[in-house]
Amino acid sequence: MDVLLDRERLREARDTLKTAKADFEDAGSINDTLESAIGTPQGKSKLRDRVGWFESNWSGNRDDLKESVENVYKRLDGIIEGWDEWEAQASAELDSKEGGS
């Protein structure tokens, strides 16, 4: 049985997950920057308050998503590392058999 595995695409997916995780981690500070930028135009803070409300409600969901992304990242990284190790071992064994013959 042949196994075809496009590890380059898996690496790209892993890198995308890593970026997504970083984006989730940075989202809170981005929101703080946004709230500061909004300020209190004409002495009113309603828009800034809504942005803060959204952040506090979204924070729990973002943490759950970040955790899920991290779990998928770790599993995908394990698959890639496992195949890379297997390939290196198989190549070394093949080289030793060819060199010994």
PDB file of N, CA and C in Angstrom:
ATOM      1  N   MET A   1       0.845  -1.169   0.000  1.00  0.00           N
ATOM      2  CA  MET A   1       0.000   0.000   0.000  1.00  0.00           C
ATOM      3  C   MET A   1       0.895   1.238   0.000  1.00  0.00           C
ATOM      4  N   ASP A   2       0.607   2.164  -0.893  1.00  0.00           N
ATOM      5  CA  ASP A   2       1.348   3.423  -0.979  1.00  0.00           C
ATOM      6  C   ASP A   2       0.647   4.483  -0.141  1.00  0.00           C
ATOM      7  N   VAL A   3       1.456   5.314   0.472  1.00  0.00           N
ATOM      8  CA  VAL A   3       0.933   6.439   1.242  1.00  0.00           C
ATOM      9  C   VAL A   3       1.466   7.714   0.589  1.00  0.00           C
ATOM     10  N   LEU A   4       0.552   8.543   0.135  1.00  0.00           N
ATOM     11  CA  LEU A   4       0.935   9.821  -0.451  1.00  0.00           C
ATOM     12  C   LEU A   4       0.591  10.914   0.547  1.00  0.00           C
ATOM     13  N   LEU A   5       1.596  11.663   0.900  1.00  0.00           N
ATOM     14  CA  LEU A   5       1.408  12.698   1.904  1.00  0.00           C
ATOM     15  C   LEU A   5       2.137  13.954   1.428  1.00  0.00           C
ATOM     16  N   ASP A   6       1.387  14.997   1.178  1.00  0.00           N
ATOM     17  CA  ASP A   6       1.986  16.255   0.729  1.00  0.00           C
ATOM     18  C   ASP A   6       2.402  17.050   1.963  1.00  0.00           C
ATOM     19  N   ARG A   7       3.618  16.795   2.410  1.00  0.00           N
ATOM     20  CA  ARG A   7       4.086  17.437   3.635  1.00  0.00           C
ATOM     21  C   ARG A   7       4.277  18.937   3.468  1.00  0.00           C
ATOM     22  N   GLU A   8       4.529  19.384   2.264  1.00  0.00           N
ATOM     23  CA  GLU A   8       4.655  20.827   2.056  1.00  0.00           C
ATOM     24  C   GLU A   8       3.322  21.520   2.339  1.00  0.00           C
ATOM     25  N   ARG A   9       2.234  20.927   1.894  1.00  0.00           N
ATOM     26  CA  ARG A   9       0.912  21.505   2.183  1.00  0.00           C
ATOM     27  C   ARG A   9       0.604  21.413   3.672  1.00  0.00           C
ATOM     28  N   LEU A  10       1.035  20.331   4.310  1.00  0.00           N
ATOM     29  CA  LEU A  10       0.836  20.210   5.752  1.00  0.00           C
ATOM     30  C   LEU A  10       1.628  21.280   6.494  1.00  0.00           C
ATOM     31  N   ARG A  11       2.840  21.555   6.039  1.00  0.00           N
ATOM     32  CA  ARG A  11       3.653  22.601   6.668  1.00  0.00           C
ATOM     33  C   ARG A  11       3.001  23.979   6.488  1.00  0.00           C
ATOM     34  N   GLU A  12       2.449  24.208   5.294  1.00  0.00           N
ATOM     35  CA  GLU A  12       1.755  25.477   5.052  1.00  0.00           C
ATOM     36  C   GLU A  12       0.548  25.605   5.985  1.00  0.00           C
ATOM     37  N   ALA A  13      -0.206  24.524   6.152  1.00  0.00           N
ATOM     38  CA  ALA A  13      -1.362  24.543   7.049  1.00  0.00           C
ATOM     39  C   ALA A  13      -0.913  24.789   8.486  1.00  0.00           C
ATOM     40  N   ARG A  14       0.182  24.155   8.884  1.00  0.00           N
ATOM     41  CA  ARG A  14       0.716  24.356  10.241  1.00  0.00           C
ATOM     42  C   ARG A  14       1.118  25.814  10.449  1.00  0.00           C
ATOM     43  N   ASP A  15       1.778  26.406   9.445  1.00  0.00           N
ATOM     44  CA  ASP A  15       2.196  27.805   9.554  1.00  0.00           C
ATOM     45  C   ASP A  15       0.982  28.736   9.638  1.00  0.00           C
ATOM     46  N   THR A  16      -0.063  28.415   8.891  1.00  0.00           N
ATOM     47  CA  THR A  16      -1.291  29.211   8.943  1.00  0.00           C
ATOM     48  C   THR A  16      -1.919  29.129  10.334  1.00  0.00           C
ATOM     49  N   LEU A  17      -1.922  27.941  10.916  1.00  0.00           N
ATOM     50  CA  LEU A  17      -2.452  27.786  12.275  1.00  0.00           C
ATOM     51  C   LEU A  17      -1.632  28.576  13.287  1.00  0.00           C
ATOM     52  N   LYS A  18      -0.329  28.580  13.104  1.00  0.00           N
ATOM     53  CA  LYS A  18       0.545  29.333  14.008  1.00  0.00           C
ATOM     54  C   LYS A  18       0.224  30.831  13.925  1.00  0.00           C
ATOM     55  N   THR A  19       0.013  31.319  12.706  1.00  0.00           N
ATOM     56  CA  THR A  19      -0.345  32.723  12.514  1.00  0.00           C
ATOM     57  C   THR A  19      -1.700  33.033  13.132  1.00  0.00           C
ATOM     58  N   ALA A  20      -2.665  32.131  12.943  1.00  0.00           N
ATOM     59  CA  ALA A  20      -4.002  32.332  13.511  1.00  0.00           C
ATOM     60  C   ALA A  20      -3.933  32.394  15.027  1.00  0.00           C
ATOM     61  N   LYS A  21      -3.147  31.519  15.627  1.00  0.00           N
ATOM     62  CA  LYS A  21      -3.000  31.524  17.085  1.00  0.00           C
ATOM     63  C   LYS A  21      -2.417  32.850  17.567  1.00  0.00           C
ATOM     64  N   ALA A  22      -1.414  33.330  16.881  1.00  0.00           N
ATOM     65  CA  ALA A  22      -0.804  34.620  17.250  1.00  0.00           C
ATOM     66  C   ALA A  22      -1.812  35.754  17.104  1.00  0.00           C
ATOM     67  N   ASP A  23      -2.630  35.692  16.055  1.00  0.00           N
ATOM     68  CA  ASP A  23      -3.649  36.722  15.854  1.00  0.00           C
ATOM     69  C   ASP A  23      -4.670  36.712  16.988  1.00  0.00           C
ATOM     70  N   PHE A  24      -5.075  35.524  17.415  1.00  0.00           N
ATOM     71  CA  PHE A  24      -6.008  35.428  18.541  1.00  0.00           C
ATOM     72  C   PHE A  24      -5.378  36.008  19.807  1.00  0.00           C
ATOM     73  N   GLU A  25      -4.097  35.744  20.015  1.00  0.00           N
ATOM     74  CA  GLU A  25      -3.413  36.249  21.202  1.00  0.00           C
ATOM     75  C   GLU A  25      -3.289  37.769  21.181  1.00  0.00           C
ATOM     76  N   ASP A  26      -3.123  38.345  19.990  1.00  0.00           N
ATOM     77  CA  ASP A  26      -2.941  39.789  19.860  1.00  0.00           C
ATOM     78  C   ASP A  26      -4.257  40.565  19.848  1.00  0.00           C
ATOM     79  N   ALA A  27      -5.371  39.863  19.672  1.00  0.00           N
ATOM     80  CA  ALA A  27      -6.660  40.540  19.495  1.00  0.00           C
ATOM     81  C   ALA A  27      -7.021  41.426  20.683  1.00  0.00           C
ATOM     82  N   GLY A  28      -6.742  41.000  21.891  1.00  0.00           N
ATOM     83  CA  GLY A  28      -7.070  41.805  23.070  1.00  0.00           C
ATOM     84  C   GLY A  28      -6.347  43.136  23.077  1.00  0.00           C
ATOM     85  N   SER A  29      -5.060  43.128  22.748  1.00  0.00           N
ATOM     86  CA  SER A  29      -4.306  44.387  22.745  1.00  0.00           C
ATOM     87  C   SER A  29      -4.741  45.275  21.584  1.00  0.00           C
ATOM     88  N   ILE A  30      -5.138  44.662  20.476  1.00  0.00           N
ATOM     89  CA  ILE A  30      -5.650  45.443  19.346  1.00  0.00           C
ATOM     90  C   ILE A  30      -6.915  46.168  19.772  1.00  0.00           C
ATOM     91  N   ASN A  31      -7.768  45.477  20.524  1.00  0.00           N
ATOM     92  CA  ASN A  31      -9.001  46.096  20.992  1.00  0.00           C
ATOM     93  C   ASN A  31      -8.698  47.271  21.928  1.00  0.00           C
ATOM     94  N   ASP A  32      -7.714  47.116  22.801  1.00  0.00           N
ATOM     95  CA  ASP A  32      -7.341  48.210  23.697  1.00  0.00           C
ATOM     96  C   ASP A  32      -6.897  49.435  22.889  1.00  0.00           C
ATOM     97  N   THR A  33      -6.125  49.188  21.848  1.00  0.00           N
ATOM     98  CA  THR A  33      -5.672  50.268  20.977  1.00  0.00           C
ATOM     99  C   THR A  33      -6.859  50.934  20.291  1.00  0.00           C
ATOM    100  N   LEU A  34      -7.812  50.115  19.840  1.00  0.00           N
ATOM    101  CA  LEU A  34      -9.003  50.648  19.183  1.00  0.00           C
ATOM    102  C   LEU A  34      -9.815  51.516  20.142  1.00  0.00           C
ATOM    103  N   GLU A  35     -10.013  51.032  21.358  1.00  0.00           N
ATOM    104  CA  GLU A  35     -10.772  51.816  22.342  1.00  0.00           C
ATOM    105  C   GLU A  35     -10.093  53.159  22.607  1.00  0.00           C
ATOM    106  N   SER A  36      -8.772  53.142  22.718  1.00  0.00           N
ATOM    107  CA  SER A  36      -8.040  54.391  22.948  1.00  0.00           C
ATOM    108  C   SER A  36      -8.178  55.332  21.759  1.00  0.00           C
ATOM    109  N   ALA A  37      -8.128  54.769  20.558  1.00  0.00           N
ATOM    110  CA  ALA A  37      -8.241  55.592  19.353  1.00  0.00           C
ATOM    111  C   ALA A  37      -9.632  56.213  19.231  1.00  0.00           C
ATOM    112  N   ILE A  38     -10.648  55.479  19.670  1.00  0.00           N
ATOM    113  CA  ILE A  38     -12.014  56.004  19.598  1.00  0.00           C
ATOM    114  C   ILE A  38     -12.188  57.160  20.571  1.00  0.00           C
ATOM    115  N   GLY A  39     -11.672  56.980  21.774  1.00  0.00           N
ATOM    116  CA  GLY A  39     -11.769  58.032  22.776  1.00  0.00           C
ATOM    117  C   GLY A  39     -13.210  58.376  23.110  1.00  0.00           C
ATOM    118  N   THR A  40     -13.441  59.651  23.349  1.00  0.00           N
ATOM    119  CA  THR A  40     -14.789  60.124  23.677  1.00  0.00           C
ATOM    120  C   THR A  40     -15.118  61.321  22.800  1.00  0.00           C
ATOM    121  N   PRO A  41     -15.454  61.053  21.531  1.00  0.00           N
ATOM    122  CA  PRO A  41     -15.769  62.171  20.639  1.00  0.00           C
ATOM    123  C   PRO A  41     -16.989  62.940  21.155  1.00  0.00           C
ATOM    124  N   GLN A  42     -16.885  64.223  21.167  1.00  0.00           N
ATOM    125  CA  GLN A  42     -17.941  65.118  21.652  1.00  0.00           C
ATOM    126  C   GLN A  42     -18.380  64.756  23.074  1.00  0.00           C
ATOM    127  N   GLY A  43     -17.428  64.243  23.843  1.00  0.00           N
ATOM    128  CA  GLY A  43     -17.706  63.899  25.233  1.00  0.00           C
ATOM    129  C   GLY A  43     -18.565  62.662  25.427  1.00  0.00           C
ATOM    130  N   LYS A  44     -18.765  61.877  24.368  1.00  0.00           N
ATOM    131  CA  LYS A  44     -19.615  60.680  24.458  1.00  0.00           C
ATOM    132  C   LYS A  44     -18.752  59.430  24.323  1.00  0.00           C
ATOM    133  N   SER A  45     -19.047  58.451  25.136  1.00  0.00           N
ATOM    134  CA  SER A  45     -18.233  57.224  25.139  1.00  0.00           C
ATOM    135  C   SER A  45     -19.026  56.000  24.663  1.00  0.00           C
ATOM    136  N   LYS A  46     -20.181  56.201  24.067  1.00  0.00           N
ATOM    137  CA  LYS A  46     -21.044  55.079  23.688  1.00  0.00           C
ATOM    138  C   LYS A  46     -20.350  54.114  22.719  1.00  0.00           C
ATOM    139  N   LEU A  47     -19.707  54.639  21.682  1.00  0.00           N
ATOM    140  CA  LEU A  47     -19.026  53.771  20.720  1.00  0.00           C
ATOM    141  C   LEU A  47     -17.891  53.015  21.401  1.00  0.00           C
ATOM    142  N   ARG A  48     -17.080  53.714  22.189  1.00  0.00           N
ATOM    143  CA  ARG A  48     -15.979  53.056  22.899  1.00  0.00           C
ATOM    144  C   ARG A  48     -16.518  51.981  23.845  1.00  0.00           C
ATOM    145  N   ASP A  49     -17.617  52.266  24.515  1.00  0.00           N
ATOM    146  CA  ASP A  49     -18.227  51.291  25.417  1.00  0.00           C
ATOM    147  C   ASP A  49     -18.696  50.050  24.660  1.00  0.00           C
ATOM    148  N   ARG A  50     -19.238  50.241  23.469  1.00  0.00           N
ATOM    149  CA  ARG A  50     -19.700  49.098  22.659  1.00  0.00           C
ATOM    150  C   ARG A  50     -18.527  48.239  22.215  1.00  0.00           C
ATOM    151  N   VAL A  51     -17.438  48.882  21.860  1.00  0.00           N
ATOM    152  CA  VAL A  51     -16.233  48.132  21.473  1.00  0.00           C
ATOM    153  C   VAL A  51     -15.742  47.317  22.667  1.00  0.00           C
ATOM    154  N   GLY A  52     -15.724  47.918  23.846  1.00  0.00           N
ATOM    155  CA  GLY A  52     -15.323  47.193  25.056  1.00  0.00           C
ATOM    156  C   GLY A  52     -16.270  46.054  25.375  1.00  0.00           C
ATOM    157  N   TRP A  53     -17.550  46.286  25.193  1.00  0.00           N
ATOM    158  CA  TRP A  53     -18.556  45.242  25.429  1.00  0.00           C
ATOM    159  C   TRP A  53     -18.325  44.067  24.485  1.00  0.00           C
ATOM    160  N   PHE A  54     -18.098  44.383  23.201  1.00  0.00           N
ATOM    161  CA  PHE A  54     -17.850  43.325  22.230  1.00  0.00           C
ATOM    162  C   PHE A  54     -16.620  42.518  22.624  1.00  0.00           C
ATOM    163  N   GLU A  55     -15.553  43.198  22.993  1.00  0.00           N
ATOM    164  CA  GLU A  55     -14.311  42.515  23.383  1.00  0.00           C
ATOM    165  C   GLU A  55     -14.531  41.577  24.557  1.00  0.00           C
ATOM    166  N   SER A  56     -15.234  42.043  25.569  1.00  0.00           N
ATOM    167  CA  SER A  56     -15.431  41.197  26.747  1.00  0.00           C
ATOM    168  C   SER A  56     -16.313  39.992  26.425  1.00  0.00           C
ATOM    169  N   ASN A  57     -17.288  40.153  25.554  1.00  0.00           N
ATOM    170  CA  ASN A  57     -18.141  39.021  25.162  1.00  0.00           C
ATOM    171  C   ASN A  57     -17.420  38.054  24.230  1.00  0.00           C
ATOM    172  N   TRP A  58     -16.564  38.565  23.380  1.00  0.00           N
ATOM    173  CA  TRP A  58     -15.857  37.747  22.406  1.00  0.00           C
ATOM    174  C   TRP A  58     -14.648  37.057  23.030  1.00  0.00           C
ATOM    175  N   SER A  59     -14.146  37.575  24.130  1.00  0.00           N
ATOM    176  CA  SER A  59     -12.922  37.073  24.739  1.00  0.00           C
ATOM    177  C   SER A  59     -12.991  35.584  25.063  1.00  0.00           C
ATOM    178  N   GLY A  60     -14.074  35.137  25.681  1.00  0.00           N
ATOM    179  CA  GLY A  60     -14.199  33.719  26.013  1.00  0.00           C
ATOM    180  C   GLY A  60     -14.217  32.843  24.788  1.00  0.00           C
ATOM    181  N   ASN A  61     -14.959  33.258  23.772  1.00  0.00           N
ATOM    182  CA  ASN A  61     -14.994  32.495  22.523  1.00  0.00           C
ATOM    183  C   ASN A  61     -13.622  32.466  21.862  1.00  0.00           C
ATOM    184  N   ARG A  62     -12.937  33.594  21.900  1.00  0.00           N
ATOM    185  CA  ARG A  62     -11.610  33.667  21.296  1.00  0.00           C
ATOM    186  C   ARG A  62     -10.648  32.724  22.014  1.00  0.00           C
ATOM    187  N   ASP A  63     -10.741  32.657  23.326  1.00  0.00           N
ATOM    188  CA  ASP A  63      -9.877  31.746  24.076  1.00  0.00           C
ATOM    189  C   ASP A  63     -10.150  30.294  23.701  1.00  0.00           C
ATOM    190  N   ASP A  64     -11.425  29.945  23.538  1.00  0.00           N
ATOM    191  CA  ASP A  64     -11.773  28.580  23.120  1.00  0.00           C
ATOM    192  C   ASP A  64     -11.227  28.276  21.732  1.00  0.00           C
ATOM    193  N   LEU A  65     -11.391  29.218  20.817  1.00  0.00           N
ATOM    194  CA  LEU A  65     -10.873  29.026  19.457  1.00  0.00           C
ATOM    195  C   LEU A  65      -9.351  28.930  19.449  1.00  0.00           C
ATOM    196  N   LYS A  66      -8.707  29.770  20.242  1.00  0.00           N
ATOM    197  CA  LYS A  66      -7.238  29.738  20.326  1.00  0.00           C
ATOM    198  C   LYS A  66      -6.767  28.374  20.823  1.00  0.00           C
ATOM    199  N   GLU A  67      -7.455  27.841  21.815  1.00  0.00           N
ATOM    200  CA  GLU A  67      -7.095  26.522  22.346  1.00  0.00           C
ATOM    201  C   GLU A  67      -7.287  25.436  21.290  1.00  0.00           C
ATOM    202  N   SER A  68      -8.375  25.512  20.546  1.00  0.00           N
ATOM    203  CA  SER A  68      -8.623  24.531  19.485  1.00  0.00           C
ATOM    204  C   SER A  68      -7.567  24.616  18.394  1.00  0.00           C
ATOM    205  N   VAL A  69      -7.227  25.836  18.006  1.00  0.00           N
ATOM    206  CA  VAL A  69      -6.192  26.027  16.988  1.00  0.00           C
ATOM    207  C   VAL A  69      -4.864  25.466  17.481  1.00  0.00           C
ATOM    208  N   GLU A  70      -4.543  25.721  18.739  1.00  0.00           N
ATOM    209  CA  GLU A  70      -3.297  25.202  19.324  1.00  0.00           C
ATOM    210  C   GLU A  70      -3.274  23.675  19.312  1.00  0.00           C
ATOM    211  N   ASN A  71      -4.398  23.048  19.644  1.00  0.00           N
ATOM    212  CA  ASN A  71      -4.470  21.584  19.644  1.00  0.00           C
ATOM    213  C   ASN A  71      -4.275  21.012  18.242  1.00  0.00           C
ATOM    214  N   VAL A  72      -4.910  21.607  17.251  1.00  0.00           N
ATOM    215  CA  VAL A  72      -4.748  21.138  15.872  1.00  0.00           C
ATOM    216  C   VAL A  72      -3.302  21.357  15.430  1.00  0.00           C
ATOM    217  N   TYR A  73      -2.739  22.514  15.782  1.00  0.00           N
ATOM    218  CA  TYR A  73      -1.349  22.807  15.437  1.00  0.00           C
ATOM    219  C   TYR A  73      -0.411  21.728  15.994  1.00  0.00           C
ATOM    220  N   LYS A  74      -0.577  21.394  17.262  1.00  0.00           N
ATOM    221  CA  LYS A  74       0.304  20.397  17.895  1.00  0.00           C
ATOM    222  C   LYS A  74       0.169  19.035  17.221  1.00  0.00           C
ATOM    223  N   ARG A  75      -1.049  18.639  16.907  1.00  0.00           N
ATOM    224  CA  ARG A  75      -1.241  17.338  16.261  1.00  0.00           C
ATOM    225  C   ARG A  75      -0.641  17.324  14.858  1.00  0.00           C
ATOM    226  N   LEU A  76      -0.874  18.386  14.123  1.00  0.00           N
ATOM    227  CA  LEU A  76      -0.327  18.474  12.775  1.00  0.00           C
ATOM    228  C   LEU A  76       1.194  18.504  12.811  1.00  0.00           C
ATOM    229  N   ASP A  77       1.754  19.240  13.747  1.00  0.00           N
ATOM    230  CA  ASP A  77       3.200  19.286  13.899  1.00  0.00           C
ATOM    231  C   ASP A  77       3.752  17.897  14.227  1.00  0.00           C
ATOM    232  N   GLY A  78       3.039  17.154  15.067  1.00  0.00           N
ATOM    233  CA  GLY A  78       3.454  15.790  15.399  1.00  0.00           C
ATOM    234  C   GLY A  78       3.443  14.872  14.187  1.00  0.00           C
ATOM    235  N   ILE A  79       2.434  15.016  13.342  1.00  0.00           N
ATOM    236  CA  ILE A  79       2.359  14.211  12.117  1.00  0.00           C
ATOM    237  C   ILE A  79       3.545  14.525  11.213  1.00  0.00           C
ATOM    238  N   ILE A  80       3.808  15.802  11.020  1.00  0.00           N
ATOM    239  CA  ILE A  80       4.912  16.217  10.150  1.00  0.00           C
ATOM    240  C   ILE A  80       6.243  15.713  10.702  1.00  0.00           C
ATOM    241  N   GLU A  81       6.474  15.928  11.991  1.00  0.00           N
ATOM    242  CA  GLU A  81       7.736  15.474  12.592  1.00  0.00           C
ATOM    243  C   GLU A  81       7.870  13.959  12.528  1.00  0.00           C
ATOM    244  N   GLY A  82       6.779  13.250  12.765  1.00  0.00           N
ATOM    245  CA  GLY A  82       6.811  11.787  12.709  1.00  0.00           C
ATOM    246  C   GLY A  82       7.185  11.278  11.323  1.00  0.00           C
ATOM    247  N   TRP A  83       6.580  11.860  10.299  1.00  0.00           N
ATOM    248  CA  TRP A  83       6.904  11.438   8.933  1.00  0.00           C
ATOM    249  C   TRP A  83       8.324  11.824   8.556  1.00  0.00           C
ATOM    250  N   ASP A  84       8.764  13.001   8.981  1.00  0.00           N
ATOM    251  CA  ASP A  84      10.143  13.408   8.687  1.00  0.00           C
ATOM    252  C   ASP A  84      11.141  12.451   9.339  1.00  0.00           C
ATOM    253  N   GLU A  85      10.879  12.059  10.582  1.00  0.00           N
ATOM    254  CA  GLU A  85      11.760  11.116  11.279  1.00  0.00           C
ATOM    255  C   GLU A  85      11.743   9.749  10.595  1.00  0.00           C
ATOM    256  N   TRP A  86      10.549   9.288  10.227  1.00  0.00           N
ATOM    257  CA  TRP A  86      10.438   7.996   9.566  1.00  0.00           C
ATOM    258  C   TRP A  86      11.196   8.016   8.248  1.00  0.00           C
ATOM    259  N   GLU A  87      11.047   9.093   7.486  1.00  0.00           N
ATOM    260  CA  GLU A  87      11.733   9.193   6.197  1.00  0.00           C
ATOM    261  C   GLU A  87      13.248   9.188   6.381  1.00  0.00           C
ATOM    262  N   ALA A  88      13.735   9.912   7.381  1.00  0.00           N
ATOM    263  CA  ALA A  88      15.179   9.957   7.635  1.00  0.00           C
ATOM    264  C   ALA A  88      15.702   8.574   8.032  1.00  0.00           C
ATOM    265  N   GLN A  89      14.957   7.868   8.897  1.00  0.00           N
ATOM    266  CA  GLN A  89      15.372   6.526   9.312  1.00  0.00           C
ATOM    267  C   GLN A  89      15.335   5.550   8.138  1.00  0.00           C
ATOM    268  N   ALA A  90      14.267   5.608   7.359  1.00  0.00           N
ATOM    269  CA  ALA A  90      14.152   4.694   6.217  1.00  0.00           C
ATOM    270  C   ALA A  90      15.253   4.968   5.201  1.00  0.00           C
ATOM    271  N   SER A  91      15.563   6.225   4.982  1.00  0.00           N
ATOM    272  CA  SER A  91      16.623   6.586   4.048  1.00  0.00           C
ATOM    273  C   SER A  91      17.978   6.106   4.551  1.00  0.00           C
ATOM    274  N   ALA A  92      18.222   6.272   5.859  1.00  0.00           N
ATOM    275  CA  ALA A  92      19.489   5.821   6.431  1.00  0.00           C
ATOM    276  C   ALA A  92      19.626   4.304   6.332  1.00  0.00           C
ATOM    277  N   GLU A  93      18.546   3.588   6.596  1.00  0.00           N
ATOM    278  CA  GLU A  93      18.579   2.121   6.485  1.00  0.00           C
ATOM    279  C   GLU A  93      18.833   1.700   5.055  1.00  0.00           C
ATOM    280  N   LEU A  94      18.164   2.353   4.125  1.00  0.00           N
ATOM    281  CA  LEU A  94      18.353   2.019   2.710  1.00  0.00           C
ATOM    282  C   LEU A  94      19.778   2.301   2.272  1.00  0.00           C
ATOM    283  N   ASP A  95      20.326   3.446   2.709  1.00  0.00           N
ATOM    284  CA  ASP A  95      21.702   3.788   2.385  1.00  0.00           C
ATOM    285  C   ASP A  95      22.676   2.762   2.953  1.00  0.00           C
ATOM    286  N   SER A  96      22.442   2.306   4.196  1.00  0.00           N
ATOM    287  CA  SER A  96      23.350   1.338   4.812  1.00  0.00           C
ATOM    288  C   SER A  96      23.263  -0.011   4.104  1.00  0.00           C
ATOM    289  N   LYS A  97      22.082  -0.393   3.653  1.00  0.00           N
ATOM    290  CA  LYS A  97      21.937  -1.661   2.929  1.00  0.00           C
ATOM    291  C   LYS A  97      22.593  -1.582   1.555  1.00  0.00           C
ATOM    292  N   GLU A  98      22.445  -0.439   0.906  1.00  0.00           N
ATOM    293  CA  GLU A  98      23.061  -0.279  -0.413  1.00  0.00           C
ATOM    294  C   GLU A  98      24.585  -0.188  -0.297  1.00  0.00           C
ATOM    295  N   GLY A  99      25.050   0.438   0.781  1.00  0.00           N
ATOM    296  CA  GLY A  99      26.495   0.582   0.985  1.00  0.00           C
ATOM    297  C   GLY A  99      27.133  -0.735   1.405  1.00  0.00           C
ATOM    298  N   GLY A 100      26.376  -1.584   2.077  1.00  0.00           N
ATOM    299  CA  GLY A 100      26.908  -2.867   2.555  1.00  0.00           C
ATOM    300  C   GLY A 100      26.838  -3.969   1.531  1.00  0.00           C
ATOM    301  N   SER A 101      26.097  -3.756   0.454  1.00  0.00           N
ATOM    302  CA  SER A 101      25.939  -4.810  -0.563  1.00  0.00           C
ATOM    303  C   SER A 101      27.052  -4.833  -1.539  1.00  0.00           C
TER     304      SER A 101
END
